[in-house]
Amino acid sequence: MSGKNPDMDMTTLSALAEPNRMNIVELLRDGPLTVGEIADRLGMRQPQASKHLKVLSENGIVTVRAEANRRIYQLRPEPFQALDCWVQSFRRVMQERFDNLDDYLRQLQNKEKS
């Protein structure tokens, strides 16, 4: 397996790097919200919330659906699954390194005993 996950899109990280967008994502973890609810809960103006939601939508992080005159935003699972796979690949590498270090330390201890 190569070290690069082809499904990992760096634009996801770039979009989430902005604090207001990360706060929006944190809010949406609990379920869908309207732009007005998001703006109210984060203490921002609705146009500012809409601007951040547009970036999240363009980067495939949220979906939006119209319901009457409201726009309801919801997280998409795929970008977070890709992030999780990416992080897991690092976890495997680090575990291998720790296992190698354990082996090396055992070898050192055995040399000292002999």
PDB file of N, CA and C in Angstrom:
ATOM      1  N   MET A   1       0.845  -1.188   0.000  1.00  0.00           N
ATOM      2  CA  MET A   1       0.000   0.000   0.000  1.00  0.00           C
ATOM      3  C   MET A   1       0.883   1.241   0.000  1.00  0.00           C
ATOM      4  N   SER A   2       0.556   2.191  -0.849  1.00  0.00           N
ATOM      5  CA  SER A   2       1.341   3.421  -0.879  1.00  0.00           C
ATOM      6  C   SER A   2       0.938   4.292   0.296  1.00  0.00           C
ATOM      7  N   GLY A   3       1.788   5.261   0.620  1.00  0.00           N
ATOM      8  CA  GLY A   3       1.530   6.121   1.765  1.00  0.00           C
ATOM      9  C   GLY A   3       0.473   7.161   1.498  1.00  0.00           C
ATOM     10  N   LYS A   4       0.073   7.333   0.221  1.00  0.00           N
ATOM     11  CA  LYS A   4      -0.889   8.372  -0.114  1.00  0.00           C
ATOM     12  C   LYS A   4      -2.262   7.768  -0.341  1.00  0.00           C
ATOM     13  N   ASN A   5      -3.255   8.337   0.294  1.00  0.00           N
ATOM     14  CA  ASN A   5      -4.629   7.900   0.099  1.00  0.00           C
ATOM     15  C   ASN A   5      -5.220   8.741  -1.029  1.00  0.00           C
ATOM     16  N   PRO A   6      -5.592   8.118  -2.158  1.00  0.00           N
ATOM     17  CA  PRO A   6      -6.088   8.892  -3.293  1.00  0.00           C
ATOM     18  C   PRO A   6      -7.399   9.618  -2.999  1.00  0.00           C
ATOM     19  N   ASP A   7      -8.159   9.164  -1.997  1.00  0.00           N
ATOM     20  CA  ASP A   7      -9.426   9.806  -1.676  1.00  0.00           C
ATOM     21  C   ASP A   7      -9.258  11.042  -0.797  1.00  0.00           C
ATOM     22  N   MET A   8      -8.066  11.217  -0.231  1.00  0.00           N
ATOM     23  CA  MET A   8      -7.821  12.344   0.657  1.00  0.00           C
ATOM     24  C   MET A   8      -7.634  13.608  -0.175  1.00  0.00           C
ATOM     25  N   ASP A   9      -8.490  14.575   0.033  1.00  0.00           N
ATOM     26  CA  ASP A   9      -8.451  15.812  -0.726  1.00  0.00           C
ATOM     27  C   ASP A   9      -7.959  16.927   0.193  1.00  0.00           C
ATOM     28  N   MET A  10      -6.827  17.510  -0.154  1.00  0.00           N
ATOM     29  CA  MET A  10      -6.245  18.538   0.705  1.00  0.00           C
ATOM     30  C   MET A  10      -7.127  19.786   0.795  1.00  0.00           C
ATOM     31  N   THR A  11      -8.045  19.967  -0.162  1.00  0.00           N
ATOM     32  CA  THR A  11      -8.933  21.120  -0.060  1.00  0.00           C
ATOM     33  C   THR A  11      -9.859  20.994   1.147  1.00  0.00           C
ATOM     34  N   THR A  12     -10.115  19.763   1.584  1.00  0.00           N
ATOM     35  CA  THR A  12     -10.919  19.568   2.791  1.00  0.00           C
ATOM     36  C   THR A  12     -10.202  20.181   3.985  1.00  0.00           C
ATOM     37  N   LEU A  13      -8.916  19.873   4.121  1.00  0.00           N
ATOM     38  CA  LEU A  13      -8.142  20.438   5.223  1.00  0.00           C
ATOM     39  C   LEU A  13      -8.063  21.949   5.116  1.00  0.00           C
ATOM     40  N   SER A  14      -7.883  22.437   3.916  1.00  0.00           N
ATOM     41  CA  SER A  14      -7.791  23.878   3.698  1.00  0.00           C
ATOM     42  C   SER A  14      -9.092  24.568   4.106  1.00  0.00           C
ATOM     43  N   ALA A  15     -10.227  23.984   3.720  1.00  0.00           N
ATOM     44  CA  ALA A  15     -11.526  24.572   4.068  1.00  0.00           C
ATOM     45  C   ALA A  15     -11.757  24.542   5.577  1.00  0.00           C
ATOM     46  N   LEU A  16     -11.302  23.473   6.226  1.00  0.00           N
ATOM     47  CA  LEU A  16     -11.525  23.333   7.674  1.00  0.00           C
ATOM     48  C   LEU A  16     -10.535  24.144   8.507  1.00  0.00           C
ATOM     49  N   ALA A  17      -9.484  24.650   7.864  1.00  0.00           N
ATOM     50  CA  ALA A  17      -8.455  25.388   8.607  1.00  0.00           C
ATOM     51  C   ALA A  17      -8.970  26.736   9.110  1.00  0.00           C
ATOM     52  N   GLU A  18     -10.024  27.258   8.527  1.00  0.00           N
ATOM     53  CA  GLU A  18     -10.567  28.547   8.932  1.00  0.00           C
ATOM     54  C   GLU A  18     -11.447  28.321  10.165  1.00  0.00           C
ATOM     55  N   PRO A  19     -11.187  29.041  11.254  1.00  0.00           N
ATOM     56  CA  PRO A  19     -11.895  28.774  12.526  1.00  0.00           C
ATOM     57  C   PRO A  19     -13.421  28.841  12.447  1.00  0.00           C
ATOM     58  N   ASN A  20     -13.973  29.820  11.742  1.00  0.00           N
ATOM     59  CA  ASN A  20     -15.440  29.905  11.644  1.00  0.00           C
ATOM     60  C   ASN A  20     -16.020  28.681  10.939  1.00  0.00           C
ATOM     61  N   ARG A  21     -15.335  28.208   9.891  1.00  0.00           N
ATOM     62  CA  ARG A  21     -15.831  27.024   9.184  1.00  0.00           C
ATOM     63  C   ARG A  21     -15.722  25.784  10.071  1.00  0.00           C
ATOM     64  N   MET A  22     -14.655  25.688  10.832  1.00  0.00           N
ATOM     65  CA  MET A  22     -14.525  24.552  11.753  1.00  0.00           C
ATOM     66  C   MET A  22     -15.636  24.602  12.801  1.00  0.00           C
ATOM     67  N   ASN A  23     -15.971  25.800  13.284  1.00  0.00           N
ATOM     68  CA  ASN A  23     -17.064  25.944  14.252  1.00  0.00           C
ATOM     69  C   ASN A  23     -18.400  25.522  13.643  1.00  0.00           C
ATOM     70  N   ILE A  24     -18.607  25.855  12.374  1.00  0.00           N
ATOM     71  CA  ILE A  24     -19.836  25.451  11.687  1.00  0.00           C
ATOM     72  C   ILE A  24     -19.899  23.927  11.599  1.00  0.00           C
ATOM     73  N   VAL A  25     -18.782  23.308  11.232  1.00  0.00           N
ATOM     74  CA  VAL A  25     -18.734  21.845  11.131  1.00  0.00           C
ATOM     75  C   VAL A  25     -19.026  21.212  12.494  1.00  0.00           C
ATOM     76  N   GLU A  26     -18.441  21.785  13.538  1.00  0.00           N
ATOM     77  CA  GLU A  26     -18.698  21.269  14.895  1.00  0.00           C
ATOM     78  C   GLU A  26     -20.193  21.342  15.228  1.00  0.00           C
ATOM     79  N   LEU A  27     -20.844  22.447  14.860  1.00  0.00           N
ATOM     80  CA  LEU A  27     -22.289  22.582  15.104  1.00  0.00           C
ATOM     81  C   LEU A  27     -23.077  21.530  14.335  1.00  0.00           C
ATOM     82  N   LEU A  28     -22.696  21.319  13.077  1.00  0.00           N
ATOM     83  CA  LEU A  28     -23.445  20.405  12.220  1.00  0.00           C
ATOM     84  C   LEU A  28     -23.232  18.936  12.573  1.00  0.00           C
ATOM     85  N   ARG A  29     -22.254  18.656  13.431  1.00  0.00           N
ATOM     86  CA  ARG A  29     -22.063  17.269  13.878  1.00  0.00           C
ATOM     87  C   ARG A  29     -23.303  16.744  14.575  1.00  0.00           C
ATOM     88  N   ASP A  30     -24.026  17.641  15.232  1.00  0.00           N
ATOM     89  CA  ASP A  30     -25.225  17.236  15.974  1.00  0.00           C
ATOM     90  C   ASP A  30     -26.466  17.128  15.103  1.00  0.00           C
ATOM     91  N   GLY A  31     -26.370  17.546  13.840  1.00  0.00           N
ATOM     92  CA  GLY A  31     -27.511  17.433  12.934  1.00  0.00           C
ATOM     93  C   GLY A  31     -27.658  18.661  12.060  1.00  0.00           C
ATOM     94  N   PRO A  32     -28.565  18.578  11.085  1.00  0.00           N
ATOM     95  CA  PRO A  32     -28.762  19.670  10.128  1.00  0.00           C
ATOM     96  C   PRO A  32     -29.277  20.943  10.803  1.00  0.00           C
ATOM     97  N   LEU A  33     -28.876  22.082  10.228  1.00  0.00           N
ATOM     98  CA  LEU A  33     -29.314  23.391  10.726  1.00  0.00           C
ATOM     99  C   LEU A  33     -29.523  24.332   9.546  1.00  0.00           C
ATOM    100  N   THR A  34     -30.352  25.342   9.773  1.00  0.00           N
ATOM    101  CA  THR A  34     -30.509  26.391   8.764  1.00  0.00           C
ATOM    102  C   THR A  34     -29.380  27.393   8.921  1.00  0.00           C
ATOM    103  N   VAL A  35     -29.190  28.209   7.882  1.00  0.00           N
ATOM    104  CA  VAL A  35     -28.145  29.230   7.945  1.00  0.00           C
ATOM    105  C   VAL A  35     -28.420  30.205   9.091  1.00  0.00           C
ATOM    106  N   GLY A  36     -29.697  30.509   9.327  1.00  0.00           N
ATOM    107  CA  GLY A  36     -30.049  31.411  10.429  1.00  0.00           C
ATOM    108  C   GLY A  36     -29.697  30.830  11.791  1.00  0.00           C
ATOM    109  N   GLU A  37     -29.956  29.541  11.968  1.00  0.00           N
ATOM    110  CA  GLU A  37     -29.615  28.883  13.239  1.00  0.00           C
ATOM    111  C   GLU A  37     -28.103  28.872  13.454  1.00  0.00           C
ATOM    112  N   ILE A  38     -27.368  28.605  12.381  1.00  0.00           N
ATOM    113  CA  ILE A  38     -25.904  28.582  12.479  1.00  0.00           C
ATOM    114  C   ILE A  38     -25.386  29.968  12.849  1.00  0.00           C
ATOM    115  N   ALA A  39     -25.886  30.987  12.165  1.00  0.00           N
ATOM    116  CA  ALA A  39     -25.457  32.365  12.441  1.00  0.00           C
ATOM    117  C   ALA A  39     -25.761  32.743  13.885  1.00  0.00           C
ATOM    118  N   ASP A  40     -26.967  32.430  14.352  1.00  0.00           N
ATOM    119  CA  ASP A  40     -27.360  32.759  15.729  1.00  0.00           C
ATOM    120  C   ASP A  40     -26.462  32.071  16.752  1.00  0.00           C
ATOM    121  N   ARG A  41     -26.237  30.778  16.573  1.00  0.00           N
ATOM    122  CA  ARG A  41     -25.464  30.015  17.556  1.00  0.00           C
ATOM    123  C   ARG A  41     -23.998  30.436  17.599  1.00  0.00           C
ATOM    124  N   LEU A  42     -23.479  30.916  16.469  1.00  0.00           N
ATOM    125  CA  LEU A  42     -22.068  31.331  16.436  1.00  0.00           C
ATOM    126  C   LEU A  42     -21.896  32.839  16.598  1.00  0.00           C
ATOM    127  N   GLY A  43     -23.012  33.550  16.737  1.00  0.00           N
ATOM    128  CA  GLY A  43     -22.938  34.993  16.947  1.00  0.00           C
ATOM    129  C   GLY A  43     -22.350  35.740  15.752  1.00  0.00           C
ATOM    130  N   MET A  44     -22.708  35.307  14.564  1.00  0.00           N
ATOM    131  CA  MET A  44     -22.232  36.007  13.361  1.00  0.00           C
ATOM    132  C   MET A  44     -23.426  36.457  12.535  1.00  0.00           C
ATOM    133  N   ARG A  45     -23.182  37.375  11.630  1.00  0.00           N
ATOM    134  CA  ARG A  45     -24.245  37.825  10.739  1.00  0.00           C
ATOM    135  C   ARG A  45     -24.545  36.730   9.716  1.00  0.00           C
ATOM    136  N   GLN A  46     -25.784  36.687   9.258  1.00  0.00           N
ATOM    137  CA  GLN A  46     -26.188  35.641   8.318  1.00  0.00           C
ATOM    138  C   GLN A  46     -25.378  35.669   7.015  1.00  0.00           C
ATOM    139  N   PRO A  47     -25.073  36.845   6.430  1.00  0.00           N
ATOM    140  CA  PRO A  47     -24.262  36.837   5.205  1.00  0.00           C
ATOM    141  C   PRO A  47     -22.873  36.227   5.413  1.00  0.00           C
ATOM    142  N   GLN A  48     -22.295  36.462   6.602  1.00  0.00           N
ATOM    143  CA  GLN A  48     -20.984  35.886   6.917  1.00  0.00           C
ATOM    144  C   GLN A  48     -21.089  34.358   7.019  1.00  0.00           C
ATOM    145  N   ALA A  49     -22.133  33.887   7.696  1.00  0.00           N
ATOM    146  CA  ALA A  49     -22.351  32.430   7.802  1.00  0.00           C
ATOM    147  C   ALA A  49     -22.571  31.832   6.419  1.00  0.00           C
ATOM    148  N   SER A  50     -23.351  32.515   5.579  1.00  0.00           N
ATOM    149  CA  SER A  50     -23.617  32.025   4.222  1.00  0.00           C
ATOM    150  C   SER A  50     -22.332  31.926   3.414  1.00  0.00           C
ATOM    151  N   LYS A  51     -21.443  32.891   3.577  1.00  0.00           N
ATOM    152  CA  LYS A  51     -20.167  32.879   2.852  1.00  0.00           C
ATOM    153  C   LYS A  51     -19.349  31.644   3.240  1.00  0.00           C
ATOM    154  N   HIS A  52     -19.278  31.347   4.537  1.00  0.00           N
ATOM    155  CA  HIS A  52     -18.520  30.179   5.004  1.00  0.00           C
ATOM    156  C   HIS A  52     -19.202  28.876   4.562  1.00  0.00           C
ATOM    157  N   LEU A  53     -20.529  28.849   4.600  1.00  0.00           N
ATOM    158  CA  LEU A  53     -21.261  27.660   4.170  1.00  0.00           C
ATOM    159  C   LEU A  53     -21.073  27.409   2.672  1.00  0.00           C
ATOM    160  N   LYS A  54     -20.948  28.480   1.912  1.00  0.00           N
ATOM    161  CA  LYS A  54     -20.706  28.327   0.471  1.00  0.00           C
ATOM    162  C   LYS A  54     -19.357  27.639   0.235  1.00  0.00           C
ATOM    163  N   VAL A  55     -18.331  28.044   0.985  1.00  0.00           N
ATOM    164  CA  VAL A  55     -17.008  27.411   0.854  1.00  0.00           C
ATOM    165  C   VAL A  55     -17.097  25.939   1.247  1.00  0.00           C
ATOM    166  N   LEU A  56     -17.779  25.654   2.349  1.00  0.00           N
ATOM    167  CA  LEU A  56     -17.922  24.263   2.796  1.00  0.00           C
ATOM    168  C   LEU A  56     -18.681  23.441   1.761  1.00  0.00           C
ATOM    169  N   SER A  57     -19.685  24.034   1.144  1.00  0.00           N
ATOM    170  CA  SER A  57     -20.462  23.337   0.132  1.00  0.00           C
ATOM    171  C   SER A  57     -19.639  23.103  -1.130  1.00  0.00           C
ATOM    172  N   GLU A  58     -18.904  24.127  -1.571  1.00  0.00           N
ATOM    173  CA  GLU A  58     -18.073  24.003  -2.778  1.00  0.00           C
ATOM    174  C   GLU A  58     -16.987  22.942  -2.603  1.00  0.00           C
ATOM    175  N   ASN A  59     -16.553  22.716  -1.369  1.00  0.00           N
ATOM    176  CA  ASN A  59     -15.521  21.721  -1.090  1.00  0.00           C
ATOM    177  C   ASN A  59     -16.102  20.361  -0.718  1.00  0.00           C
ATOM    178  N   GLY A  60     -17.415  20.204  -0.873  1.00  0.00           N
ATOM    179  CA  GLY A  60     -18.056  18.912  -0.668  1.00  0.00           C
ATOM    180  C   GLY A  60     -18.169  18.486   0.780  1.00  0.00           C
ATOM    181  N   ILE A  61     -18.074  19.433   1.698  1.00  0.00           N
ATOM    182  CA  ILE A  61     -18.114  19.107   3.126  1.00  0.00           C
ATOM    183  C   ILE A  61     -19.549  19.105   3.649  1.00  0.00           C
ATOM    184  N   VAL A  62     -20.389  19.977   3.084  1.00  0.00           N
ATOM    185  CA  VAL A  62     -21.801  20.023   3.474  1.00  0.00           C
ATOM    186  C   VAL A  62     -22.679  19.915   2.233  1.00  0.00           C
ATOM    187  N   THR A  63     -23.897  19.476   2.470  1.00  0.00           N
ATOM    188  CA  THR A  63     -24.928  19.532   1.436  1.00  0.00           C
ATOM    189  C   THR A  63     -25.973  20.537   1.903  1.00  0.00           C
ATOM    190  N   VAL A  64     -26.707  21.059   0.953  1.00  0.00           N
ATOM    191  CA  VAL A  64     -27.762  22.016   1.279  1.00  0.00           C
ATOM    192  C   VAL A  64     -29.032  21.585   0.558  1.00  0.00           C
ATOM    193  N   ARG A  65     -30.138  21.711   1.273  1.00  0.00           N
ATOM    194  CA  ARG A  65     -31.424  21.432   0.626  1.00  0.00           C
ATOM    195  C   ARG A  65     -32.380  22.570   0.967  1.00  0.00           C
ATOM    196  N   ALA A  66     -33.206  22.895   0.006  1.00  0.00           N
ATOM    197  CA  ALA A  66     -34.194  23.949   0.212  1.00  0.00           C
ATOM    198  C   ALA A  66     -35.468  23.326   0.761  1.00  0.00           C
ATOM    199  N   GLU A  67     -36.005  23.975   1.770  1.00  0.00           N
ATOM    200  CA  GLU A  67     -37.268  23.538   2.365  1.00  0.00           C
ATOM    201  C   GLU A  67     -38.089  24.797   2.587  1.00  0.00           C
ATOM    202  N   ALA A  68     -39.113  24.980   1.774  1.00  0.00           N
ATOM    203  CA  ALA A  68     -39.876  26.234   1.739  1.00  0.00           C
ATOM    204  C   ALA A  68     -38.887  27.356   1.424  1.00  0.00           C
ATOM    205  N   ASN A  69     -38.777  28.356   2.304  1.00  0.00           N
ATOM    206  CA  ASN A  69     -37.841  29.457   2.035  1.00  0.00           C
ATOM    207  C   ASN A  69     -36.556  29.331   2.860  1.00  0.00           C
ATOM    208  N   ARG A  70     -36.336  28.154   3.427  1.00  0.00           N
ATOM    209  CA  ARG A  70     -35.147  27.944   4.255  1.00  0.00           C
ATOM    210  C   ARG A  70     -34.149  27.051   3.526  1.00  0.00           C
ATOM    211  N   ARG A  71     -32.877  27.278   3.816  1.00  0.00           N
ATOM    212  CA  ARG A  71     -31.814  26.417   3.292  1.00  0.00           C
ATOM    213  C   ARG A  71     -31.231  25.657   4.483  1.00  0.00           C
ATOM    214  N   ILE A  72     -31.254  24.336   4.395  1.00  0.00           N
ATOM    215  CA  ILE A  72     -30.827  23.494   5.511  1.00  0.00           C
ATOM    216  C   ILE A  72     -29.512  22.820   5.132  1.00  0.00           C
ATOM    217  N   TYR A  73     -28.531  22.980   6.007  1.00  0.00           N
ATOM    218  CA  TYR A  73     -27.187  22.451   5.767  1.00  0.00           C
ATOM    219  C   TYR A  73     -26.944  21.221   6.614  1.00  0.00           C
ATOM    220  N   GLN A  74     -26.221  20.273   6.019  1.00  0.00           N
ATOM    221  CA  GLN A  74     -25.923  19.008   6.683  1.00  0.00           C
ATOM    222  C   GLN A  74     -24.528  18.552   6.245  1.00  0.00           C
ATOM    223  N   LEU A  75     -23.806  17.907   7.167  1.00  0.00           N
ATOM    224  CA  LEU A  75     -22.479  17.380   6.836  1.00  0.00           C
ATOM    225  C   LEU A  75     -22.591  16.195   5.888  1.00  0.00           C
ATOM    226  N   ARG A  76     -21.627  16.083   4.981  1.00  0.00           N
ATOM    227  CA  ARG A  76     -21.489  14.887   4.141  1.00  0.00           C
ATOM    228  C   ARG A  76     -20.479  13.977   4.836  1.00  0.00           C
ATOM    229  N   PRO A  77     -20.725  12.677   4.903  1.00  0.00           N
ATOM    230  CA  PRO A  77     -19.795  11.791   5.601  1.00  0.00           C
ATOM    231  C   PRO A  77     -18.499  11.525   4.838  1.00  0.00           C
ATOM    232  N   GLU A  78     -18.531  11.583   3.508  1.00  0.00           N
ATOM    233  CA  GLU A  78     -17.381  11.149   2.713  1.00  0.00           C
ATOM    234  C   GLU A  78     -16.066  11.883   3.019  1.00  0.00           C
ATOM    235  N   PRO A  79     -16.063  13.215   3.117  1.00  0.00           N
ATOM    236  CA  PRO A  79     -14.772  13.857   3.394  1.00  0.00           C
ATOM    237  C   PRO A  79     -14.193  13.462   4.752  1.00  0.00           C
ATOM    238  N   PHE A  80     -15.067  13.180   5.709  1.00  0.00           N
ATOM    239  CA  PHE A  80     -14.587  12.808   7.041  1.00  0.00           C
ATOM    240  C   PHE A  80     -14.105  11.362   7.065  1.00  0.00           C
ATOM    241  N   GLN A  81     -14.729  10.517   6.252  1.00  0.00           N
ATOM    242  CA  GLN A  81     -14.246   9.141   6.117  1.00  0.00           C
ATOM    243  C   GLN A  81     -12.863   9.143   5.473  1.00  0.00           C
ATOM    244  N   ALA A  82     -12.671  10.005   4.458  1.00  0.00           N
ATOM    245  CA  ALA A  82     -11.359  10.100   3.803  1.00  0.00           C
ATOM    246  C   ALA A  82     -10.307  10.618   4.787  1.00  0.00           C
ATOM    247  N   LEU A  83     -10.673  11.614   5.601  1.00  0.00           N
ATOM    248  CA  LEU A  83      -9.746  12.118   6.621  1.00  0.00           C
ATOM    249  C   LEU A  83      -9.388  11.030   7.615  1.00  0.00           C
ATOM    250  N   ASP A  84     -10.385  10.248   8.020  1.00  0.00           N
ATOM    251  CA  ASP A  84     -10.146   9.177   8.974  1.00  0.00           C
ATOM    252  C   ASP A  84      -9.179   8.138   8.400  1.00  0.00           C
ATOM    253  N   CYS A  85      -9.378   7.761   7.140  1.00  0.00           N
ATOM    254  CA  CYS A  85      -8.461   6.805   6.486  1.00  0.00           C
ATOM    255  C   CYS A  85      -7.045   7.368   6.440  1.00  0.00           C
ATOM    256  N   TRP A  86      -6.945   8.641   6.138  1.00  0.00           N
ATOM    257  CA  TRP A  86      -5.639   9.302   6.058  1.00  0.00           C
ATOM    258  C   TRP A  86      -4.937   9.256   7.426  1.00  0.00           C
ATOM    259  N   VAL A  87      -5.674   9.600   8.479  1.00  0.00           N
ATOM    260  CA  VAL A  87      -5.109   9.576   9.832  1.00  0.00           C
ATOM    261  C   VAL A  87      -4.735   8.145  10.222  1.00  0.00           C
ATOM    262  N   GLN A  88      -5.577   7.173   9.856  1.00  0.00           N
ATOM    263  CA  GLN A  88      -5.293   5.765  10.165  1.00  0.00           C
ATOM    264  C   GLN A  88      -3.986   5.312   9.527  1.00  0.00           C
ATOM    265  N   SER A  89      -3.687   5.820   8.320  1.00  0.00           N
ATOM    266  CA  SER A  89      -2.441   5.429   7.655  1.00  0.00           C
ATOM    267  C   SER A  89      -1.237   5.889   8.475  1.00  0.00           C
ATOM    268  N   PHE A  90      -1.340   7.056   9.113  1.00  0.00           N
ATOM    269  CA  PHE A  90      -0.265   7.528   9.990  1.00  0.00           C
ATOM    270  C   PHE A  90      -0.190   6.685  11.258  1.00  0.00           C
ATOM    271  N   ARG A  91      -1.346   6.310  11.765  1.00  0.00           N
ATOM    272  CA  ARG A  91      -1.392   5.504  12.984  1.00  0.00           C
ATOM    273  C   ARG A  91      -0.676   4.171  12.760  1.00  0.00           C
ATOM    274  N   ARG A  92      -0.891   3.548  11.592  1.00  0.00           N
ATOM    275  CA  ARG A  92      -0.219   2.283  11.277  1.00  0.00           C
ATOM    276  C   ARG A  92       1.292   2.463  11.223  1.00  0.00           C
ATOM    277  N   VAL A  93       1.734   3.529  10.567  1.00  0.00           N
ATOM    278  CA  VAL A  93       3.172   3.796  10.457  1.00  0.00           C
ATOM    279  C   VAL A  93       3.775   4.009  11.845  1.00  0.00           C
ATOM    280  N   MET A  94       3.106   4.796  12.675  1.00  0.00           N
ATOM    281  CA  MET A  94       3.629   5.073  14.018  1.00  0.00           C
ATOM    282  C   MET A  94       3.653   3.805  14.860  1.00  0.00           C
ATOM    283  N   GLN A  95       2.641   2.947  14.723  1.00  0.00           N
ATOM    284  CA  GLN A  95       2.614   1.698  15.477  1.00  0.00           C
ATOM    285  C   GLN A  95       3.780   0.807  15.074  1.00  0.00           C
ATOM    286  N   GLU A  96       4.067   0.757  13.769  1.00  0.00           N
ATOM    287  CA  GLU A  96       5.222  -0.032  13.304  1.00  0.00           C
ATOM    288  C   GLU A  96       6.515   0.510  13.902  1.00  0.00           C
ATOM    289  N   ARG A  97       6.629   1.819  13.953  1.00  0.00           N
ATOM    290  CA  ARG A  97       7.845   2.422  14.525  1.00  0.00           C
ATOM    291  C   ARG A  97       7.972   2.098  16.007  1.00  0.00           C
ATOM    292  N   PHE A  98       6.864   2.157  16.743  1.00  0.00           N
ATOM    293  CA  PHE A  98       6.910   1.819  18.167  1.00  0.00           C
ATOM    294  C   PHE A  98       7.268   0.348  18.360  1.00  0.00           C
ATOM    295  N   ASP A  99       6.704  -0.516  17.499  1.00  0.00           N
ATOM    296  CA  ASP A  99       7.023  -1.946  17.584  1.00  0.00           C
ATOM    297  C   ASP A  99       8.515  -2.168  17.325  1.00  0.00           C
ATOM    298  N   ASN A 100       9.057  -1.477  16.331  1.00  0.00           N
ATOM    299  CA  ASN A 100      10.492  -1.589  16.029  1.00  0.00           C
ATOM    300  C   ASN A 100      11.338  -1.086  17.196  1.00  0.00           C
ATOM    301  N   LEU A 101      10.897  -0.008  17.827  1.00  0.00           N
ATOM    302  CA  LEU A 101      11.620   0.529  18.978  1.00  0.00           C
ATOM    303  C   LEU A 101      11.588  -0.460  20.138  1.00  0.00           C
ATOM    304  N   ASP A 102      10.435  -1.083  20.373  1.00  0.00           N
ATOM    305  CA  ASP A 102      10.333  -2.109  21.426  1.00  0.00           C
ATOM    306  C   ASP A 102      11.309  -3.253  21.170  1.00  0.00           C
ATOM    307  N   ASP A 103      11.362  -3.711  19.918  1.00  0.00           N
ATOM    308  CA  ASP A 103      12.286  -4.792  19.556  1.00  0.00           C
ATOM    309  C   ASP A 103      13.732  -4.376  19.811  1.00  0.00           C
ATOM    310  N   TYR A 104      14.058  -3.160  19.421  1.00  0.00           N
ATOM    311  CA  TYR A 104      15.423  -2.653  19.588  1.00  0.00           C
ATOM    312  C   TYR A 104      15.788  -2.567  21.080  1.00  0.00           C
ATOM    313  N   LEU A 105      14.870  -2.054  21.885  1.00  0.00           N
ATOM    314  CA  LEU A 105      15.138  -1.947  23.324  1.00  0.00           C
ATOM    315  C   LEU A 105      15.301  -3.327  23.965  1.00  0.00           C
ATOM    316  N   ARG A 106      14.503  -4.303  23.525  1.00  0.00           N
ATOM    317  CA  ARG A 106      14.637  -5.670  24.033  1.00  0.00           C
ATOM    318  C   ARG A 106      16.019  -6.234  23.685  1.00  0.00           C
ATOM    319  N   GLN A 107      16.458  -5.967  22.462  1.00  0.00           N
ATOM    320  CA  GLN A 107      17.783  -6.440  22.040  1.00  0.00           C
ATOM    321  C   GLN A 107      18.878  -5.812  22.901  1.00  0.00           C
ATOM    322  N   LEU A 108      18.734  -4.520  23.192  1.00  0.00           N
ATOM    323  CA  LEU A 108      19.724  -3.846  24.039  1.00  0.00           C
ATOM    324  C   LEU A 108      19.755  -4.457  25.435  1.00  0.00           C
ATOM    325  N   GLN A 109      18.559  -4.714  25.990  1.00  0.00           N
ATOM    326  CA  GLN A 109      18.485  -5.302  27.334  1.00  0.00           C
ATOM    327  C   GLN A 109      19.115  -6.699  27.350  1.00  0.00           C
ATOM    328  N   ASN A 110      18.874  -7.476  26.309  1.00  0.00           N
ATOM    329  CA  ASN A 110      19.453  -8.826  26.255  1.00  0.00           C
ATOM    330  C   ASN A 110      20.976  -8.771  26.148  1.00  0.00           C
ATOM    331  N   LYS A 111      21.510  -7.790  25.430  1.00  0.00           N
ATOM    332  CA  LYS A 111      22.965  -7.642  25.307  1.00  0.00           C
ATOM    333  C   LYS A 111      23.572  -7.280  26.670  1.00  0.00           C
ATOM    334  N   GLU A 112      22.877  -6.411  27.411  1.00  0.00           N
ATOM    335  CA  GLU A 112      23.391  -5.998  28.712  1.00  0.00           C
ATOM    336  C   GLU A 112      23.397  -7.172  29.692  1.00  0.00           C
ATOM    337  N   LYS A 113      22.414  -8.063  29.592  1.00  0.00           N
ATOM    338  CA  LYS A 113      22.330  -9.218  30.475  1.00  0.00           C
ATOM    339  C   LYS A 113      23.403 -10.246  30.174  1.00  0.00           C
ATOM    340  N   SER A 114      23.843 -10.333  28.908  1.00  0.00           N
ATOM    341  CA  SER A 114      24.818 -11.361  28.565  1.00  0.00           C
ATOM    342  C   SER A 114      26.235 -10.895  28.758  1.00  0.00           C
TER     343      SER A 114
END
